N, C-alpha and C. Protein backbone atom coordinates (compact mmCIF):
# COMPACT_ATOMS: atom_id res chain seq x y z
N MET A 1 8.69 12.85 10.04
CA MET A 1 8.75 12.20 9.18
C MET A 1 10.23 11.27 8.98
N THR A 2 10.04 10.01 9.06
CA THR A 2 11.14 9.17 8.98
C THR A 2 11.46 8.50 7.54
N LYS A 3 12.57 8.28 7.34
CA LYS A 3 12.77 7.67 6.01
C LYS A 3 12.22 6.56 5.38
N ALA A 4 11.63 5.75 6.80
CA ALA A 4 10.63 4.67 6.60
C ALA A 4 9.41 4.92 6.38
N PHE A 5 8.81 5.99 7.08
CA PHE A 5 7.65 6.55 6.39
C PHE A 5 7.55 7.12 4.94
N LEU A 6 8.70 7.66 4.62
CA LEU A 6 8.44 8.12 3.47
C LEU A 6 8.75 7.15 2.35
N THR A 7 9.37 6.00 2.67
CA THR A 7 9.52 4.91 1.72
C THR A 7 8.29 4.28 1.55
N ASP A 8 7.60 3.65 2.84
CA ASP A 8 6.25 3.37 2.87
C ASP A 8 5.17 3.82 2.02
N THR A 9 5.39 5.06 2.33
CA THR A 9 4.24 6.18 1.69
C THR A 9 4.56 5.92 0.10
N ALA A 10 5.81 6.04 -0.30
CA ALA A 10 5.96 6.20 -1.77
C ALA A 10 5.49 4.80 -2.54
N VAL A 11 5.79 3.57 -1.71
CA VAL A 11 5.32 2.30 -2.28
C VAL A 11 3.83 2.23 -2.31
N ARG A 12 3.06 2.87 -1.22
CA ARG A 12 1.75 2.66 -1.16
C ARG A 12 1.13 3.59 -2.34
N VAL A 13 1.83 4.79 -2.66
CA VAL A 13 1.28 5.57 -3.41
C VAL A 13 1.48 5.23 -4.95
N LEU A 14 2.55 4.47 -5.26
CA LEU A 14 2.85 3.88 -6.54
C LEU A 14 1.97 2.60 -6.69
N ARG A 15 1.73 1.89 -5.63
CA ARG A 15 0.66 0.77 -5.90
C ARG A 15 -0.57 1.18 -6.22
N THR A 16 -1.08 2.27 -5.52
CA THR A 16 -2.41 2.72 -5.69
C THR A 16 -2.63 3.31 -6.99
N PHE A 17 -1.75 3.97 -7.41
CA PHE A 17 -1.75 4.65 -8.61
C PHE A 17 -1.85 3.42 -9.71
N LEU A 18 -0.88 2.59 -9.65
CA LEU A 18 -0.80 1.33 -10.85
C LEU A 18 -2.05 0.65 -10.60
N GLN A 19 -2.82 0.32 -9.66
CA GLN A 19 -3.92 -0.36 -9.27
C GLN A 19 -5.14 0.48 -9.92
N ALA A 20 -5.34 1.59 -9.86
CA ALA A 20 -6.45 2.45 -10.39
C ALA A 20 -6.20 2.74 -11.65
N PHE A 21 -4.95 2.79 -12.53
CA PHE A 21 -4.71 3.22 -13.66
C PHE A 21 -5.01 1.80 -14.47
N VAL A 22 -4.60 0.53 -13.81
CA VAL A 22 -4.96 -0.78 -14.41
C VAL A 22 -6.31 -0.98 -14.63
N GLY A 23 -7.14 -0.51 -13.33
CA GLY A 23 -8.48 -0.88 -13.39
C GLY A 23 -9.13 0.00 -14.09
N ALA A 24 -8.88 1.28 -14.36
CA ALA A 24 -9.79 2.12 -15.27
C ALA A 24 -9.54 1.48 -16.75
N LEU A 25 -8.11 1.11 -17.21
CA LEU A 25 -8.03 0.56 -18.36
C LEU A 25 -8.70 -0.53 -18.65
N GLY A 26 -8.59 -1.60 -17.67
CA GLY A 26 -9.28 -2.94 -17.57
C GLY A 26 -10.94 -2.64 -17.84
N LEU A 27 -11.28 -1.60 -17.09
CA LEU A 27 -12.95 -1.59 -17.39
C LEU A 27 -13.25 -1.19 -18.63
N ASP A 28 -12.32 -0.31 -19.15
CA ASP A 28 -12.59 0.07 -20.58
C ASP A 28 -12.55 -0.96 -21.35
N GLY A 29 -11.39 -1.84 -21.40
CA GLY A 29 -11.39 -2.91 -22.15
C GLY A 29 -12.64 -4.02 -22.06
N ALA A 30 -13.20 -4.24 -20.73
CA ALA A 30 -14.22 -4.98 -20.62
C ALA A 30 -15.69 -4.47 -21.07
N ASP A 31 -15.38 -3.11 -21.66
CA ASP A 31 -16.74 -2.10 -22.12
C ASP A 31 -17.58 -1.92 -20.95
N VAL A 32 -17.20 -1.85 -19.88
CA VAL A 32 -18.05 -1.27 -18.61
C VAL A 32 -17.90 0.09 -18.68
N ILE A 33 -16.82 0.88 -18.79
CA ILE A 33 -16.87 2.37 -18.84
C ILE A 33 -15.66 2.60 -20.11
N HIS A 34 -15.84 3.87 -20.65
CA HIS A 34 -15.03 4.08 -21.40
C HIS A 34 -14.18 5.07 -21.12
N ALA A 35 -13.07 4.63 -20.74
CA ALA A 35 -11.94 5.98 -20.38
C ALA A 35 -10.77 5.80 -21.23
N SER A 36 -10.32 7.02 -21.90
CA SER A 36 -9.31 7.31 -22.18
C SER A 36 -8.00 6.90 -21.72
N TRP A 37 -6.86 7.14 -22.08
CA TRP A 37 -5.54 7.02 -21.43
C TRP A 37 -5.54 8.22 -20.38
N THR A 38 -5.84 9.53 -21.06
CA THR A 38 -5.85 10.68 -19.95
C THR A 38 -6.76 10.63 -18.87
N GLN A 39 -7.99 9.96 -19.20
CA GLN A 39 -9.07 9.84 -18.04
C GLN A 39 -8.53 8.54 -16.96
N ALA A 40 -7.69 7.85 -17.62
CA ALA A 40 -7.30 6.68 -16.42
C ALA A 40 -6.17 7.38 -15.84
N LEU A 41 -5.46 8.24 -16.42
CA LEU A 41 -4.17 8.86 -15.62
C LEU A 41 -4.80 9.70 -14.65
N ALA A 42 -5.88 10.30 -15.04
CA ALA A 42 -6.46 11.34 -14.02
C ALA A 42 -7.09 10.66 -12.95
N VAL A 43 -7.72 9.61 -13.05
CA VAL A 43 -8.22 8.62 -12.02
C VAL A 43 -7.12 8.14 -11.10
N ALA A 44 -6.11 7.43 -11.83
CA ALA A 44 -5.04 6.97 -10.99
C ALA A 44 -4.07 8.34 -10.15
N GLY A 45 -4.10 9.45 -10.77
CA GLY A 45 -3.56 10.32 -10.19
C GLY A 45 -4.49 10.98 -8.76
N SER A 46 -5.52 10.87 -9.26
CA SER A 46 -6.38 11.27 -7.87
C SER A 46 -6.52 10.22 -6.67
N ALA A 47 -6.49 8.89 -7.21
CA ALA A 47 -6.30 7.98 -6.13
C ALA A 47 -4.68 7.86 -5.62
N ALA A 48 -3.90 8.47 -6.04
CA ALA A 48 -2.59 8.27 -5.64
C ALA A 48 -2.61 9.64 -4.36
N PHE A 49 -2.97 10.61 -5.11
CA PHE A 49 -2.97 11.89 -4.17
C PHE A 49 -3.83 11.78 -2.80
N LEU A 50 -5.09 10.91 -3.07
CA LEU A 50 -5.80 10.47 -1.73
C LEU A 50 -4.90 9.47 -0.81
N ALA A 51 -4.10 8.64 -1.50
CA ALA A 51 -3.26 7.54 -0.49
C ALA A 51 -2.17 8.70 0.06
N VAL A 52 -1.87 9.72 -0.49
CA VAL A 52 -0.70 10.62 0.27
C VAL A 52 -1.47 11.30 1.52
N LEU A 53 -2.60 11.75 1.10
CA LEU A 53 -3.45 12.35 2.37
C LEU A 53 -3.79 11.61 3.39
N THR A 54 -4.10 10.04 2.63
CA THR A 54 -4.40 8.94 4.16
C THR A 54 -2.99 8.83 4.82
N ALA A 55 -2.28 8.74 4.23
CA ALA A 55 -0.83 8.28 4.85
C ALA A 55 -0.46 9.59 5.85
N PHE A 56 -0.55 10.66 5.36
CA PHE A 56 -0.37 11.89 6.65
C PHE A 56 -1.52 11.79 7.71
N ALA A 57 -2.73 11.55 7.29
CA ALA A 57 -3.65 11.55 8.31
C ALA A 57 -3.63 10.41 9.26
N ALA A 58 -3.22 9.45 8.88
CA ALA A 58 -2.95 8.15 9.66
C ALA A 58 -1.81 8.34 10.65
N THR A 59 -0.85 9.03 10.23
CA THR A 59 0.53 9.31 11.16
C THR A 59 -0.10 9.92 12.50
N PRO A 60 0.59 9.12 13.66
CA PRO A 60 0.17 9.86 14.96
C PRO A 60 0.97 11.14 15.12
N ALA A 61 0.39 12.09 15.73
CA ALA A 61 1.19 13.45 16.19
C ALA A 61 2.42 13.12 17.15
N PRO A 62 3.62 13.68 16.73
CA PRO A 62 4.52 13.50 17.51
C PRO A 62 4.44 13.91 18.96
N VAL A 63 4.89 13.04 20.26
CA VAL A 63 4.51 13.12 21.63
C VAL A 63 5.67 14.08 21.81
N ALA A 64 5.40 15.16 22.54
CA ALA A 64 6.62 15.85 23.37
C ALA A 64 7.22 15.27 24.54
N PRO A 65 8.62 15.38 24.60
CA PRO A 65 9.06 14.71 25.76
C PRO A 65 8.69 15.03 27.18
N GLN A 66 8.34 14.47 28.12
CA GLN A 66 7.63 14.43 29.35
C GLN A 66 8.85 15.45 29.79
N ASP A 67 8.64 16.69 30.88
CA ASP A 67 9.02 17.12 31.82
C ASP A 67 9.58 16.26 33.03
N ALA A 68 10.67 16.75 33.94
CA ALA A 68 11.04 16.14 35.07
C ALA A 68 9.85 16.38 35.89
N PRO A 69 9.29 15.52 36.69
CA PRO A 69 8.28 15.72 37.79
C PRO A 69 8.42 16.63 38.58
N GLN A 70 7.68 17.56 38.93
CA GLN A 70 7.56 18.70 39.72
C GLN A 70 8.17 18.38 41.07
N ASP A 71 7.79 17.26 41.71
CA ASP A 71 8.04 17.01 43.09
C ASP A 71 9.23 15.93 43.15
N ALA A 72 10.08 16.10 42.21
CA ALA A 72 11.12 15.13 42.27
C ALA A 72 12.16 15.42 43.54
N PRO A 73 12.68 14.37 44.07
CA PRO A 73 13.41 14.65 45.55
C PRO A 73 14.49 15.33 44.90
N VAL A 74 14.96 16.14 45.96
CA VAL A 74 16.15 17.03 45.95
C VAL A 74 17.39 16.41 46.70
N LYS A 75 18.24 16.38 45.86
CA LYS A 75 19.43 15.42 46.67
C LYS A 75 20.74 16.54 47.29
């Protein structure tokens, strides 16, 4: 994991958390669903957790360095 990966993941998680939180409260204000603050926090926390899992799942596995070819010319 690089510093850039961790920074990007933190930004993505924060954005996802805030979007879900504001969305849950906005739907409550629009009288679509009835969510308390704790329920909105639970929804936002769940979305943030899934964003972390997605970031790790989307990261390619590190590639091992290639060994020297077996039939390299001998000097």
